[in-house]
Amino acid sequence: MREKRMIWQEFCYDLIEAREKDTTEDVYQELVESNLRQLGWSKVRGEICPKERINVGSHNQIEPDITIKLSDQPAFVIELKRPRNAITPRQEQQLLSYMRLRKTSFGLYKTYLPRYGARTSPSTQLRGRSLSICSITILLADKG
């Protein structure tokens, strides 16, 4: 298996390309899933679960973009938007609702934002558990 650092650099390269091309959310999701497999998660083992339906009440369903499972239990959810999308409070709430329904303490909102660092929202209490949303930002000077 290739060195994780090189795989991560290629992941970042792909994300930059996606932003430059302003890819659709579906294409972006395929790209992210492919890179998650390169980092060691597996669809075959049931660790990468795209668009897994969650029942809400008796008639409604929602679908987080990606649920990552470990030992067949949801570990975290990933909400994807087009690479040039800017996060809104409503989108952050969407991820929080997915986290609550999946009973996970961590969620990742993935888009490509033109700034450095990571943004973590204030934790929210849910039945004695703390939930955090982390928006990871990747900014490289160039693709080389």
N, C-alpha and C. Protein backbone atom coordinates (compact mmCIF):
# COMPACT_ATOMS: atom_id res chain seq x y z
N MET A 1 0.85 -1.18 0.00
CA MET A 1 0.00 0.00 0.00
C MET A 1 0.89 1.25 0.00
N ARG A 2 0.50 2.21 -0.80
CA ARG A 2 1.28 3.43 -0.88
C ARG A 2 1.28 4.16 0.46
N GLU A 3 2.32 4.93 0.64
CA GLU A 3 2.45 5.71 1.86
C GLU A 3 1.24 6.63 2.01
N LYS A 4 0.67 6.67 3.22
CA LYS A 4 -0.54 7.47 3.48
C LYS A 4 -0.35 8.94 3.12
N ARG A 5 0.84 9.47 3.36
CA ARG A 5 1.08 10.88 3.05
C ARG A 5 0.91 11.16 1.55
N MET A 6 1.43 10.26 0.73
CA MET A 6 1.31 10.43 -0.72
C MET A 6 -0.16 10.30 -1.13
N ILE A 7 -0.87 9.37 -0.54
CA ILE A 7 -2.30 9.20 -0.84
C ILE A 7 -3.05 10.47 -0.46
N TRP A 8 -2.74 11.03 0.72
CA TRP A 8 -3.39 12.26 1.15
C TRP A 8 -3.09 13.41 0.19
N GLN A 9 -1.84 13.51 -0.28
CA GLN A 9 -1.47 14.57 -1.23
C GLN A 9 -2.26 14.42 -2.53
N GLU A 10 -2.45 13.19 -2.97
CA GLU A 10 -3.24 12.96 -4.18
C GLU A 10 -4.71 13.30 -3.95
N PHE A 11 -5.21 13.02 -2.75
CA PHE A 11 -6.58 13.38 -2.38
C PHE A 11 -6.73 14.90 -2.48
N CYS A 12 -5.78 15.63 -1.90
CA CYS A 12 -5.82 17.09 -1.96
C CYS A 12 -5.75 17.59 -3.40
N TYR A 13 -4.92 16.97 -4.20
CA TYR A 13 -4.81 17.33 -5.62
C TYR A 13 -6.17 17.16 -6.30
N ASP A 14 -6.82 16.02 -6.04
CA ASP A 14 -8.14 15.76 -6.64
C ASP A 14 -9.16 16.81 -6.20
N LEU A 15 -9.10 17.22 -4.93
CA LEU A 15 -10.04 18.22 -4.43
C LEU A 15 -9.82 19.57 -5.11
N ILE A 16 -8.57 19.91 -5.34
CA ILE A 16 -8.25 21.17 -6.03
C ILE A 16 -8.78 21.12 -7.46
N GLU A 17 -8.54 20.00 -8.15
CA GLU A 17 -9.05 19.83 -9.51
C GLU A 17 -10.57 19.97 -9.55
N ALA A 18 -11.25 19.34 -8.58
CA ALA A 18 -12.71 19.40 -8.52
C ALA A 18 -13.19 20.83 -8.37
N ARG A 19 -12.49 21.61 -7.54
CA ARG A 19 -12.87 23.01 -7.35
C ARG A 19 -12.67 23.81 -8.63
N GLU A 20 -11.52 23.60 -9.27
CA GLU A 20 -11.23 24.33 -10.50
C GLU A 20 -12.26 24.04 -11.58
N LYS A 21 -12.73 22.79 -11.62
CA LYS A 21 -13.72 22.39 -12.63
C LYS A 21 -15.15 22.65 -12.16
N ASP A 22 -15.31 23.07 -10.90
CA ASP A 22 -16.62 23.28 -10.29
C ASP A 22 -17.53 22.07 -10.55
N THR A 23 -17.04 20.90 -10.15
CA THR A 23 -17.75 19.66 -10.40
C THR A 23 -19.09 19.63 -9.67
N THR A 24 -19.97 18.76 -10.13
CA THR A 24 -21.26 18.60 -9.47
C THR A 24 -21.06 17.84 -8.16
N GLU A 25 -22.06 17.88 -7.31
CA GLU A 25 -21.98 17.19 -6.03
C GLU A 25 -21.84 15.68 -6.23
N ASP A 26 -22.52 15.11 -7.21
CA ASP A 26 -22.42 13.67 -7.45
C ASP A 26 -21.00 13.25 -7.86
N VAL A 27 -20.40 14.01 -8.75
CA VAL A 27 -19.03 13.71 -9.18
C VAL A 27 -18.07 13.89 -8.00
N TYR A 28 -18.31 14.93 -7.21
CA TYR A 28 -17.47 15.20 -6.03
C TYR A 28 -17.58 14.04 -5.05
N GLN A 29 -18.78 13.52 -4.86
CA GLN A 29 -18.96 12.40 -3.94
C GLN A 29 -18.19 11.17 -4.42
N GLU A 30 -18.27 10.87 -5.71
CA GLU A 30 -17.53 9.73 -6.26
C GLU A 30 -16.03 9.89 -6.01
N LEU A 31 -15.54 11.11 -6.18
CA LEU A 31 -14.13 11.42 -5.96
C LEU A 31 -13.75 11.19 -4.50
N VAL A 32 -14.56 11.70 -3.58
CA VAL A 32 -14.28 11.54 -2.15
C VAL A 32 -14.33 10.06 -1.76
N GLU A 33 -15.34 9.33 -2.23
CA GLU A 33 -15.43 7.90 -1.91
C GLU A 33 -14.21 7.14 -2.42
N SER A 34 -13.78 7.44 -3.62
CA SER A 34 -12.60 6.78 -4.19
C SER A 34 -11.37 7.03 -3.33
N ASN A 35 -11.20 8.27 -2.89
CA ASN A 35 -10.04 8.60 -2.06
C ASN A 35 -10.15 8.01 -0.66
N LEU A 36 -11.36 7.88 -0.12
CA LEU A 36 -11.52 7.21 1.18
C LEU A 36 -11.08 5.76 1.07
N ARG A 37 -11.38 5.11 -0.06
CA ARG A 37 -10.92 3.73 -0.28
C ARG A 37 -9.40 3.68 -0.33
N GLN A 38 -8.79 4.66 -1.00
CA GLN A 38 -7.33 4.70 -1.06
C GLN A 38 -6.70 4.88 0.33
N LEU A 39 -7.42 5.56 1.22
CA LEU A 39 -6.93 5.77 2.59
C LEU A 39 -7.17 4.56 3.50
N GLY A 40 -7.86 3.53 2.97
CA GLY A 40 -7.99 2.29 3.72
C GLY A 40 -9.39 1.87 4.11
N TRP A 41 -10.39 2.74 3.94
CA TRP A 41 -11.76 2.32 4.23
C TRP A 41 -12.29 1.51 3.04
N SER A 42 -13.30 0.70 3.28
CA SER A 42 -13.77 -0.22 2.25
C SER A 42 -15.29 -0.23 2.12
N LYS A 43 -15.76 -0.22 0.88
CA LYS A 43 -17.19 -0.43 0.63
C LYS A 43 -17.52 -1.90 0.84
N VAL A 44 -16.63 -2.78 0.41
CA VAL A 44 -16.86 -4.23 0.52
C VAL A 44 -17.06 -4.65 1.97
N ARG A 45 -16.28 -4.08 2.88
CA ARG A 45 -16.42 -4.39 4.31
C ARG A 45 -17.56 -3.61 4.97
N GLY A 46 -18.24 -2.79 4.18
CA GLY A 46 -19.37 -2.02 4.71
C GLY A 46 -18.96 -0.82 5.54
N GLU A 47 -17.75 -0.30 5.31
CA GLU A 47 -17.28 0.86 6.08
C GLU A 47 -17.67 2.18 5.43
N ILE A 48 -17.72 2.22 4.10
CA ILE A 48 -18.15 3.41 3.36
C ILE A 48 -19.57 3.13 2.89
N CYS A 49 -20.53 3.88 3.44
CA CYS A 49 -21.95 3.65 3.13
C CYS A 49 -22.55 4.92 2.53
N PRO A 50 -22.55 5.03 1.19
CA PRO A 50 -23.10 6.23 0.56
C PRO A 50 -24.62 6.21 0.54
N LYS A 51 -25.20 7.38 0.79
CA LYS A 51 -26.65 7.59 0.66
C LYS A 51 -27.47 6.51 1.38
N GLU A 52 -27.01 6.12 2.56
CA GLU A 52 -27.74 5.13 3.35
C GLU A 52 -28.99 5.77 3.94
N ARG A 53 -30.14 5.20 3.65
CA ARG A 53 -31.41 5.80 4.08
C ARG A 53 -31.65 5.59 5.57
N ILE A 54 -32.16 6.66 6.18
CA ILE A 54 -32.53 6.64 7.59
C ILE A 54 -34.01 7.01 7.67
N ASN A 55 -34.78 6.17 8.31
CA ASN A 55 -36.21 6.47 8.48
C ASN A 55 -36.38 7.56 9.54
N VAL A 56 -37.24 8.51 9.20
CA VAL A 56 -37.60 9.59 10.12
C VAL A 56 -39.12 9.55 10.20
N GLY A 57 -39.62 9.06 11.32
CA GLY A 57 -41.06 8.88 11.43
C GLY A 57 -41.49 7.70 10.57
N SER A 58 -42.76 7.64 10.26
CA SER A 58 -43.27 6.49 9.52
C SER A 58 -43.28 6.69 8.01
N HIS A 59 -43.10 7.93 7.53
CA HIS A 59 -43.22 8.17 6.10
C HIS A 59 -42.02 8.85 5.46
N ASN A 60 -41.11 9.39 6.23
CA ASN A 60 -40.01 10.17 5.67
C ASN A 60 -38.68 9.45 5.83
N GLN A 61 -37.75 9.77 4.92
CA GLN A 61 -36.40 9.24 4.97
C GLN A 61 -35.42 10.35 4.63
N ILE A 62 -34.22 10.25 5.19
CA ILE A 62 -33.13 11.15 4.82
C ILE A 62 -31.93 10.29 4.46
N GLU A 63 -30.97 10.91 3.74
CA GLU A 63 -29.80 10.18 3.28
C GLU A 63 -28.54 11.03 3.49
N PRO A 64 -27.77 10.75 4.53
CA PRO A 64 -26.47 11.42 4.62
C PRO A 64 -25.64 11.03 3.39
N ASP A 65 -24.79 11.93 2.93
CA ASP A 65 -24.01 11.62 1.73
C ASP A 65 -23.14 10.38 1.95
N ILE A 66 -22.41 10.34 3.05
CA ILE A 66 -21.58 9.17 3.36
C ILE A 66 -21.63 8.92 4.86
N THR A 67 -21.85 7.67 5.23
CA THR A 67 -21.70 7.25 6.62
C THR A 67 -20.51 6.32 6.67
N ILE A 68 -19.58 6.58 7.57
CA ILE A 68 -18.44 5.69 7.77
C ILE A 68 -18.76 4.82 8.98
N LYS A 69 -18.66 3.51 8.78
CA LYS A 69 -18.97 2.57 9.85
C LYS A 69 -17.72 1.79 10.25
N LEU A 70 -17.63 1.52 11.53
CA LEU A 70 -16.60 0.64 12.08
C LEU A 70 -17.31 -0.43 12.87
N SER A 71 -16.97 -1.69 12.64
CA SER A 71 -17.64 -2.82 13.28
C SER A 71 -19.15 -2.73 13.09
N ASP A 72 -19.58 -2.36 11.91
CA ASP A 72 -20.98 -2.28 11.51
C ASP A 72 -21.79 -1.22 12.26
N GLN A 73 -21.12 -0.31 12.96
CA GLN A 73 -21.77 0.77 13.68
C GLN A 73 -21.34 2.11 13.09
N PRO A 74 -22.27 3.06 12.92
CA PRO A 74 -21.88 4.38 12.39
C PRO A 74 -20.82 5.04 13.28
N ALA A 75 -19.70 5.43 12.67
CA ALA A 75 -18.63 6.13 13.40
C ALA A 75 -18.75 7.63 13.20
N PHE A 76 -19.00 8.05 11.93
CA PHE A 76 -19.23 9.46 11.64
C PHE A 76 -19.91 9.59 10.30
N VAL A 77 -20.48 10.76 10.07
CA VAL A 77 -21.14 11.04 8.80
C VAL A 77 -20.41 12.17 8.09
N ILE A 78 -20.47 12.14 6.77
CA ILE A 78 -19.85 13.16 5.94
C ILE A 78 -20.95 13.78 5.08
N GLU A 79 -21.04 15.08 5.13
CA GLU A 79 -21.97 15.82 4.28
C GLU A 79 -21.15 16.55 3.23
N LEU A 80 -21.44 16.30 1.97
CA LEU A 80 -20.71 16.91 0.87
C LEU A 80 -21.56 17.94 0.15
N LYS A 81 -20.92 18.97 -0.29
CA LYS A 81 -21.54 19.99 -1.14
C LYS A 81 -20.58 20.25 -2.28
N ARG A 82 -21.07 20.92 -3.31
CA ARG A 82 -20.17 21.27 -4.42
C ARG A 82 -18.92 21.95 -3.87
N PRO A 83 -17.79 21.76 -4.55
CA PRO A 83 -16.53 22.32 -4.03
C PRO A 83 -16.54 23.82 -3.77
N ARG A 84 -17.31 24.58 -4.50
CA ARG A 84 -17.33 26.04 -4.31
C ARG A 84 -18.44 26.52 -3.38
N ASN A 85 -19.18 25.61 -2.81
CA ASN A 85 -20.27 25.96 -1.90
C ASN A 85 -19.71 26.53 -0.59
N ALA A 86 -20.34 27.56 -0.07
CA ALA A 86 -19.99 28.11 1.25
C ALA A 86 -21.00 27.58 2.26
N ILE A 87 -20.51 27.08 3.38
CA ILE A 87 -21.39 26.49 4.39
C ILE A 87 -22.37 27.53 4.93
N THR A 88 -23.60 27.08 5.15
CA THR A 88 -24.62 27.93 5.75
C THR A 88 -25.07 27.30 7.06
N PRO A 89 -25.67 28.08 7.95
CA PRO A 89 -26.17 27.49 9.20
C PRO A 89 -27.17 26.36 8.95
N ARG A 90 -27.99 26.48 7.92
CA ARG A 90 -28.95 25.43 7.62
C ARG A 90 -28.26 24.13 7.24
N GLN A 91 -27.18 24.24 6.46
CA GLN A 91 -26.43 23.04 6.08
C GLN A 91 -25.74 22.42 7.29
N GLU A 92 -25.25 23.25 8.18
CA GLU A 92 -24.65 22.75 9.42
C GLU A 92 -25.70 22.01 10.24
N GLN A 93 -26.91 22.55 10.32
CA GLN A 93 -28.00 21.89 11.03
C GLN A 93 -28.38 20.56 10.37
N GLN A 94 -28.30 20.51 9.04
CA GLN A 94 -28.56 19.27 8.31
C GLN A 94 -27.59 18.18 8.77
N LEU A 95 -26.32 18.52 8.85
CA LEU A 95 -25.33 17.55 9.32
C LEU A 95 -25.60 17.15 10.77
N LEU A 96 -25.93 18.12 11.61
CA LEU A 96 -26.24 17.79 13.02
C LEU A 96 -27.41 16.82 13.12
N SER A 97 -28.42 17.00 12.29
CA SER A 97 -29.56 16.08 12.34
C SER A 97 -29.15 14.68 11.90
N TYR A 98 -28.29 14.57 10.90
CA TYR A 98 -27.77 13.26 10.48
C TYR A 98 -26.99 12.61 11.62
N MET A 99 -26.17 13.40 12.30
CA MET A 99 -25.39 12.89 13.42
C MET A 99 -26.29 12.37 14.53
N ARG A 100 -27.33 13.13 14.85
CA ARG A 100 -28.26 12.70 15.90
C ARG A 100 -28.94 11.38 15.53
N LEU A 101 -29.41 11.31 14.29
CA LEU A 101 -30.12 10.11 13.86
C LEU A 101 -29.19 8.90 13.74
N ARG A 102 -27.92 9.12 13.40
CA ARG A 102 -26.95 8.03 13.31
C ARG A 102 -26.30 7.75 14.67
N LYS A 103 -26.59 8.63 15.65
CA LYS A 103 -26.03 8.50 17.00
C LYS A 103 -24.50 8.52 16.98
N THR A 104 -23.97 9.46 16.23
CA THR A 104 -22.53 9.66 16.18
C THR A 104 -22.17 10.97 16.85
N SER A 105 -20.96 11.06 17.36
CA SER A 105 -20.50 12.28 18.01
C SER A 105 -19.69 13.17 17.09
N PHE A 106 -19.43 12.69 15.90
CA PHE A 106 -18.58 13.45 14.99
C PHE A 106 -19.18 13.45 13.59
N GLY A 107 -19.14 14.60 12.95
CA GLY A 107 -19.58 14.73 11.57
C GLY A 107 -18.63 15.63 10.82
N LEU A 108 -18.48 15.37 9.54
CA LEU A 108 -17.57 16.14 8.71
C LEU A 108 -18.36 16.79 7.59
N TYR A 109 -18.24 18.09 7.49
CA TYR A 109 -18.84 18.83 6.39
C TYR A 109 -17.72 19.11 5.41
N LYS A 110 -17.81 18.57 4.21
CA LYS A 110 -16.70 18.69 3.28
C LYS A 110 -17.07 19.53 2.08
N THR A 111 -16.40 20.63 1.98
CA THR A 111 -16.41 21.46 0.80
C THR A 111 -15.04 22.09 0.71
N TYR A 112 -14.73 22.74 -0.32
CA TYR A 112 -13.43 23.36 -0.48
C TYR A 112 -13.61 24.85 -0.23
N LEU A 113 -13.05 25.33 0.86
CA LEU A 113 -13.22 26.73 1.24
C LEU A 113 -11.90 27.48 1.08
N PRO A 114 -11.95 28.71 0.61
CA PRO A 114 -10.71 29.45 0.36
C PRO A 114 -10.14 30.10 1.62
N ARG A 115 -9.78 29.29 2.61
CA ARG A 115 -9.13 29.82 3.80
C ARG A 115 -8.36 28.70 4.48
N TYR A 116 -7.48 29.06 5.40
CA TYR A 116 -6.67 28.08 6.10
C TYR A 116 -7.40 27.56 7.34
N GLY A 117 -6.94 26.41 7.82
CA GLY A 117 -7.35 25.94 9.13
C GLY A 117 -8.56 25.05 9.12
N ALA A 118 -9.03 24.76 10.31
CA ALA A 118 -10.24 23.96 10.49
C ALA A 118 -11.22 24.76 11.31
N ARG A 119 -12.48 24.61 11.04
CA ARG A 119 -13.52 25.33 11.76
C ARG A 119 -14.35 24.31 12.51
N THR A 120 -14.44 24.48 13.79
CA THR A 120 -15.26 23.58 14.58
C THR A 120 -16.36 24.40 15.23
N SER A 121 -17.57 23.96 15.06
CA SER A 121 -18.68 24.68 15.65
C SER A 121 -18.70 24.42 17.15
N PRO A 122 -19.39 25.26 17.90
CA PRO A 122 -19.55 24.95 19.30
C PRO A 122 -20.25 23.61 19.45
N SER A 123 -19.84 22.86 20.45
CA SER A 123 -20.47 21.56 20.68
C SER A 123 -21.92 21.74 21.08
N THR A 124 -22.72 20.77 20.75
CA THR A 124 -24.14 20.77 21.08
C THR A 124 -24.40 19.58 21.99
N GLN A 125 -25.18 19.78 23.02
CA GLN A 125 -25.50 18.69 23.92
C GLN A 125 -26.73 17.95 23.42
N LEU A 126 -26.66 16.63 23.41
CA LEU A 126 -27.78 15.79 23.00
C LEU A 126 -27.83 14.61 23.96
N ARG A 127 -28.79 14.63 24.85
CA ARG A 127 -28.95 13.55 25.83
C ARG A 127 -27.65 13.22 26.53
N GLY A 128 -26.97 14.25 26.99
CA GLY A 128 -25.75 14.05 27.74
C GLY A 128 -24.51 13.78 26.90
N ARG A 129 -24.65 13.78 25.56
CA ARG A 129 -23.50 13.55 24.68
C ARG A 129 -23.14 14.85 24.00
N SER A 130 -21.89 15.03 23.73
CA SER A 130 -21.43 16.21 23.03
C SER A 130 -21.24 15.88 21.55
N LEU A 131 -21.78 16.73 20.68
CA LEU A 131 -21.64 16.54 19.25
C LEU A 131 -20.78 17.66 18.70
N SER A 132 -19.90 17.35 17.77
CA SER A 132 -19.06 18.36 17.14
C SER A 132 -19.13 18.24 15.64
N ILE A 133 -19.16 19.38 15.00
CA ILE A 133 -19.06 19.43 13.55
C ILE A 133 -17.71 20.05 13.23
N CYS A 134 -17.01 19.41 12.34
CA CYS A 134 -15.71 19.93 11.93
C CYS A 134 -15.74 20.14 10.43
N SER A 135 -15.40 21.31 10.02
CA SER A 135 -15.28 21.60 8.59
C SER A 135 -13.80 21.73 8.29
N ILE A 136 -13.28 20.78 7.54
CA ILE A 136 -11.85 20.78 7.24
C ILE A 136 -11.61 21.54 5.95
N THR A 137 -10.65 22.43 6.02
CA THR A 137 -10.31 23.25 4.87
C THR A 137 -8.93 22.87 4.39
N ILE A 138 -8.79 22.69 3.11
CA ILE A 138 -7.50 22.35 2.53
C ILE A 138 -7.14 23.43 1.52
N LEU A 139 -6.00 24.03 1.69
CA LEU A 139 -5.56 25.04 0.75
C LEU A 139 -4.10 24.79 0.44
N LEU A 140 -3.81 24.47 -0.79
CA LEU A 140 -2.44 24.25 -1.23
C LEU A 140 -2.07 25.34 -2.21
N ALA A 141 -0.79 25.69 -2.24
CA ALA A 141 -0.34 26.74 -3.14
C ALA A 141 -0.49 26.35 -4.60
N ASP A 142 -0.20 25.11 -4.90
CA ASP A 142 -0.39 24.63 -6.27
C ASP A 142 -0.55 23.12 -6.23
N LYS A 143 -0.69 22.51 -7.38
CA LYS A 143 -0.94 21.07 -7.45
C LYS A 143 0.37 20.27 -7.50
N GLY A 144 1.50 20.93 -7.47
CA GLY A 144 2.79 20.25 -7.59
C GLY A 144 3.26 19.83 -6.29
